[in-house]
Amino acid sequence: MASCSCKKRINQPSSPESLQLEAGPIYETRSRKLEVDGIILREDLSEIVLHIEYGLKDRVRDSVCALLDHLAEWGGSYLSQSRTDKE
Protein backbone atom coordinates (compact mmCIF):
# COMPACT_ATOMS: atom_id res chain seq x y z
CA MET A 1 0.00 0.00 0.00
CA ALA A 2 1.29 3.44 -0.87
CA SER A 3 2.27 5.85 1.83
CA CYS A 4 -0.69 7.82 3.10
CA SER A 5 -0.25 11.56 2.91
CA CYS A 6 -2.82 12.12 5.65
CA LYS A 7 -1.43 9.63 8.19
CA LYS A 8 0.74 12.15 10.00
CA ARG A 9 -2.12 14.62 10.42
CA ILE A 10 -4.48 11.91 11.71
CA ASN A 11 -2.00 10.68 14.30
CA GLN A 12 -1.26 14.12 15.72
CA PRO A 13 -3.05 14.67 19.01
CA SER A 14 -5.38 17.62 19.16
CA SER A 15 -4.65 20.40 21.55
CA PRO A 16 -7.06 20.66 24.48
CA GLU A 17 -8.25 24.01 23.11
CA SER A 18 -9.17 22.56 19.71
CA LEU A 19 -11.00 19.51 21.03
CA GLN A 20 -13.22 20.18 23.99
CA LEU A 21 -15.10 17.01 24.87
CA GLU A 22 -17.25 16.99 27.92
CA ALA A 23 -16.90 13.80 29.89
CA GLY A 24 -20.27 12.40 30.63
CA PRO A 25 -22.35 9.29 30.32
CA ILE A 26 -23.25 9.81 26.65
CA TYR A 27 -19.66 10.47 25.55
CA GLU A 28 -18.34 7.57 27.62
CA THR A 29 -20.99 5.19 26.26
CA ARG A 30 -20.23 6.17 22.67
CA SER A 31 -16.46 5.99 23.09
CA ARG A 32 -16.70 2.58 24.80
CA LYS A 33 -18.85 1.30 21.91
CA LEU A 34 -16.29 2.54 19.37
CA GLU A 35 -13.59 0.80 21.40
CA VAL A 36 -15.55 -2.48 21.54
CA ASP A 37 -16.28 -2.22 17.79
CA GLY A 38 -12.53 -2.06 17.13
CA ILE A 39 -12.49 1.46 15.73
CA ILE A 40 -10.56 3.36 18.39
CA LEU A 41 -7.90 2.60 20.96
CA ARG A 42 -8.30 3.88 24.52
CA GLU A 43 -5.13 4.76 26.39
CA ASP A 44 -5.50 5.65 30.05
CA LEU A 45 -2.66 8.01 30.94
CA SER A 46 -3.96 8.80 34.41
CA GLU A 47 -1.49 8.96 37.22
CA ILE A 48 -2.79 11.73 39.44
CA VAL A 49 -5.21 13.58 37.13
CA LEU A 50 -7.67 11.79 34.85
CA HIS A 51 -6.09 11.76 31.40
CA ILE A 52 -7.36 9.49 28.61
CA GLU A 53 -6.50 9.71 24.93
CA TYR A 54 -8.26 8.07 22.02
CA GLY A 55 -6.86 7.30 18.58
CA LEU A 56 -7.87 5.42 15.46
CA LYS A 57 -6.87 1.79 15.20
CA ASP A 58 -4.38 1.03 12.42
CA ARG A 59 -6.86 -0.67 10.07
CA VAL A 60 -9.38 2.16 10.46
CA ARG A 61 -6.69 4.84 10.04
CA ASP A 62 -5.44 3.10 6.88
CA SER A 63 -8.97 3.01 5.47
CA VAL A 64 -9.58 6.66 6.32
CA CYS A 65 -6.22 7.61 4.78
CA ALA A 66 -7.02 5.71 1.59
CA LEU A 67 -10.39 7.45 1.37
CA LEU A 68 -8.89 10.90 2.00
CA ASP A 69 -6.10 10.28 -0.53
CA HIS A 70 -8.70 9.25 -3.12
CA LEU A 71 -10.80 12.35 -2.39
CA ALA A 72 -7.72 14.57 -2.65
CA GLU A 73 -6.83 13.00 -6.00
CA TRP A 74 -10.40 13.45 -7.25
CA GLY A 75 -10.46 17.06 -6.02
CA GLY A 76 -7.20 17.82 -7.81
CA SER A 77 -8.43 16.36 -11.09
CA TYR A 78 -11.79 18.13 -10.68
CA LEU A 79 -10.07 21.49 -10.18
CA SER A 80 -7.77 20.87 -13.15
CA GLN A 81 -10.75 20.00 -15.35
CA SER A 82 -12.68 23.01 -14.05
CA ARG A 83 -9.80 25.34 -14.92
CA THR A 84 -9.45 23.78 -18.36
CA ASP A 85 -13.17 24.23 -19.04
CA LYS A 86 -12.98 27.94 -18.15
CA GLU A 87 -10.16 28.58 -20.64
C-alpha atoms as a PDB file:
ATOM      1  CA  MET A   1       0.000   0.000   0.000  1.00  0.00           C
ATOM      2  CA  ALA A   2       1.285   3.441  -0.871  1.00  0.00           C
ATOM      3  CA  SER A   3       2.272   5.854   1.827  1.00  0.00           C
ATOM      4  CA  CYS A   4      -0.688   7.824   3.097  1.00  0.00           C
ATOM      5  CA  SER A   5      -0.247  11.557   2.909  1.00  0.00           C
ATOM      6  CA  CYS A   6      -2.816  12.120   5.650  1.00  0.00           C
ATOM      7  CA  LYS A   7      -1.429   9.628   8.190  1.00  0.00           C
ATOM      8  CA  LYS A   8       0.744  12.151   9.999  1.00  0.00           C
ATOM      9  CA  ARG A   9      -2.118  14.618  10.425  1.00  0.00           C
ATOM     10  CA  ILE A  10      -4.482  11.906  11.709  1.00  0.00           C
ATOM     11  CA  ASN A  11      -1.999  10.681  14.302  1.00  0.00           C
ATOM     12  CA  GLN A  12      -1.258  14.123  15.716  1.00  0.00           C
ATOM     13  CA  PRO A  13      -3.054  14.670  19.006  1.00  0.00           C
ATOM     14  CA  SER A  14      -5.384  17.618  19.163  1.00  0.00           C
ATOM     15  CA  SER A  15      -4.650  20.396  21.554  1.00  0.00           C
ATOM     16  CA  PRO A  16      -7.057  20.660  24.480  1.00  0.00           C
ATOM     17  CA  GLU A  17      -8.249  24.006  23.114  1.00  0.00           C
ATOM     18  CA  SER A  18      -9.166  22.562  19.711  1.00  0.00           C
ATOM     19  CA  LEU A  19     -11.003  19.513  21.029  1.00  0.00           C
ATOM     20  CA  GLN A  20     -13.221  20.181  23.988  1.00  0.00           C
ATOM     21  CA  LEU A  21     -15.104  17.010  24.869  1.00  0.00           C
ATOM     22  CA  GLU A  22     -17.250  16.992  27.924  1.00  0.00           C
ATOM     23  CA  ALA A  23     -16.897  13.797  29.887  1.00  0.00           C
ATOM     24  CA  GLY A  24     -20.270  12.401  30.628  1.00  0.00           C
ATOM     25  CA  PRO A  25     -22.351   9.286  30.321  1.00  0.00           C
ATOM     26  CA  ILE A  26     -23.251   9.806  26.653  1.00  0.00           C
ATOM     27  CA  TYR A  27     -19.657  10.468  25.549  1.00  0.00           C
ATOM     28  CA  GLU A  28     -18.343   7.575  27.619  1.00  0.00           C
ATOM     29  CA  THR A  29     -20.990   5.191  26.265  1.00  0.00           C
ATOM     30  CA  ARG A  30     -20.230   6.172  22.670  1.00  0.00           C
ATOM     31  CA  SER A  31     -16.460   5.990  23.093  1.00  0.00           C
ATOM     32  CA  ARG A  32     -16.701   2.580  24.798  1.00  0.00           C
ATOM     33  CA  LYS A  33     -18.854   1.298  21.913  1.00  0.00           C
ATOM     34  CA  LEU A  34     -16.289   2.545  19.374  1.00  0.00           C
ATOM     35  CA  GLU A  35     -13.586   0.796  21.395  1.00  0.00           C
ATOM     36  CA  VAL A  36     -15.551  -2.476  21.545  1.00  0.00           C
ATOM     37  CA  ASP A  37     -16.282  -2.218  17.794  1.00  0.00           C
ATOM     38  CA  GLY A  38     -12.529  -2.061  17.135  1.00  0.00           C
ATOM     39  CA  ILE A  39     -12.486   1.464  15.733  1.00  0.00           C
ATOM     40  CA  ILE A  40     -10.561   3.363  18.390  1.00  0.00           C
ATOM     41  CA  LEU A  41      -7.904   2.600  20.963  1.00  0.00           C
ATOM     42  CA  ARG A  42      -8.300   3.883  24.516  1.00  0.00           C
ATOM     43  CA  GLU A  43      -5.132   4.757  26.386  1.00  0.00           C
ATOM     44  CA  ASP A  44      -5.498   5.650  30.051  1.00  0.00           C
ATOM     45  CA  LEU A  45      -2.661   8.010  30.936  1.00  0.00           C
ATOM     46  CA  SER A  46      -3.960   8.798  34.413  1.00  0.00           C
ATOM     47  CA  GLU A  47      -1.495   8.962  37.220  1.00  0.00           C
ATOM     48  CA  ILE A  48      -2.790  11.726  39.436  1.00  0.00           C
ATOM     49  CA  VAL A  49      -5.208  13.581  37.132  1.00  0.00           C
ATOM     50  CA  LEU A  50      -7.665  11.792  34.853  1.00  0.00           C
ATOM     51  CA  HIS A  51      -6.087  11.756  31.395  1.00  0.00           C
ATOM     52  CA  ILE A  52      -7.361   9.490  28.612  1.00  0.00           C
ATOM     53  CA  GLU A  53      -6.500   9.714  24.927  1.00  0.00           C
ATOM     54  CA  TYR A  54      -8.264   8.070  22.016  1.00  0.00           C
ATOM     55  CA  GLY A  55      -6.856   7.300  18.576  1.00  0.00           C
ATOM     56  CA  LEU A  56      -7.874   5.423  15.463  1.00  0.00           C
ATOM     57  CA  LYS A  57      -6.870   1.786  15.196  1.00  0.00           C
ATOM     58  CA  ASP A  58      -4.379   1.030  12.416  1.00  0.00           C
ATOM     59  CA  ARG A  59      -6.860  -0.668  10.072  1.00  0.00           C
ATOM     60  CA  VAL A  60      -9.375   2.156  10.458  1.00  0.00           C
ATOM     61  CA  ARG A  61      -6.691   4.835  10.044  1.00  0.00           C
ATOM     62  CA  ASP A  62      -5.435   3.098   6.883  1.00  0.00           C
ATOM     63  CA  SER A  63      -8.971   3.013   5.472  1.00  0.00           C
ATOM     64  CA  VAL A  64      -9.584   6.664   6.316  1.00  0.00           C
ATOM     65  CA  CYS A  65      -6.225   7.608   4.776  1.00  0.00           C
ATOM     66  CA  ALA A  66      -7.025   5.705   1.585  1.00  0.00           C
ATOM     67  CA  LEU A  67     -10.391   7.448   1.370  1.00  0.00           C
ATOM     68  CA  LEU A  68      -8.890  10.896   1.996  1.00  0.00           C
ATOM     69  CA  ASP A  69      -6.102  10.285  -0.528  1.00  0.00           C
ATOM     70  CA  HIS A  70      -8.700   9.248  -3.120  1.00  0.00           C
ATOM     71  CA  LEU A  71     -10.805  12.354  -2.385  1.00  0.00           C
ATOM     72  CA  ALA A  72      -7.719  14.573  -2.646  1.00  0.00           C
ATOM     73  CA  GLU A  73      -6.827  13.003  -6.005  1.00  0.00           C
ATOM     74  CA  TRP A  74     -10.398  13.454  -7.250  1.00  0.00           C
ATOM     75  CA  GLY A  75     -10.456  17.057  -6.016  1.00  0.00           C
ATOM     76  CA  GLY A  76      -7.204  17.823  -7.809  1.00  0.00           C
ATOM     77  CA  SER A  77      -8.431  16.365 -11.085  1.00  0.00           C
ATOM     78  CA  TYR A  78     -11.794  18.134 -10.677  1.00  0.00           C
ATOM     79  CA  LEU A  79     -10.066  21.491 -10.177  1.00  0.00           C
ATOM     80  CA  SER A  80      -7.774  20.870 -13.151  1.00  0.00           C
ATOM     81  CA  GLN A  81     -10.748  19.999 -15.348  1.00  0.00           C
ATOM     82  CA  SER A  82     -12.677  23.007 -14.050  1.00  0.00           C
ATOM     83  CA  ARG A  83      -9.800  25.336 -14.921  1.00  0.00           C
ATOM     84  CA  THR A  84      -9.447  23.780 -18.365  1.00  0.00           C
ATOM     85  CA  ASP A  85     -13.174  24.229 -19.042  1.00  0.00           C
ATOM     86  CA  LYS A  86     -12.977  27.936 -18.147  1.00  0.00           C
ATOM     87  CA  GLU A  87     -10.158  28.581 -20.639  1.00  0.00           C
END
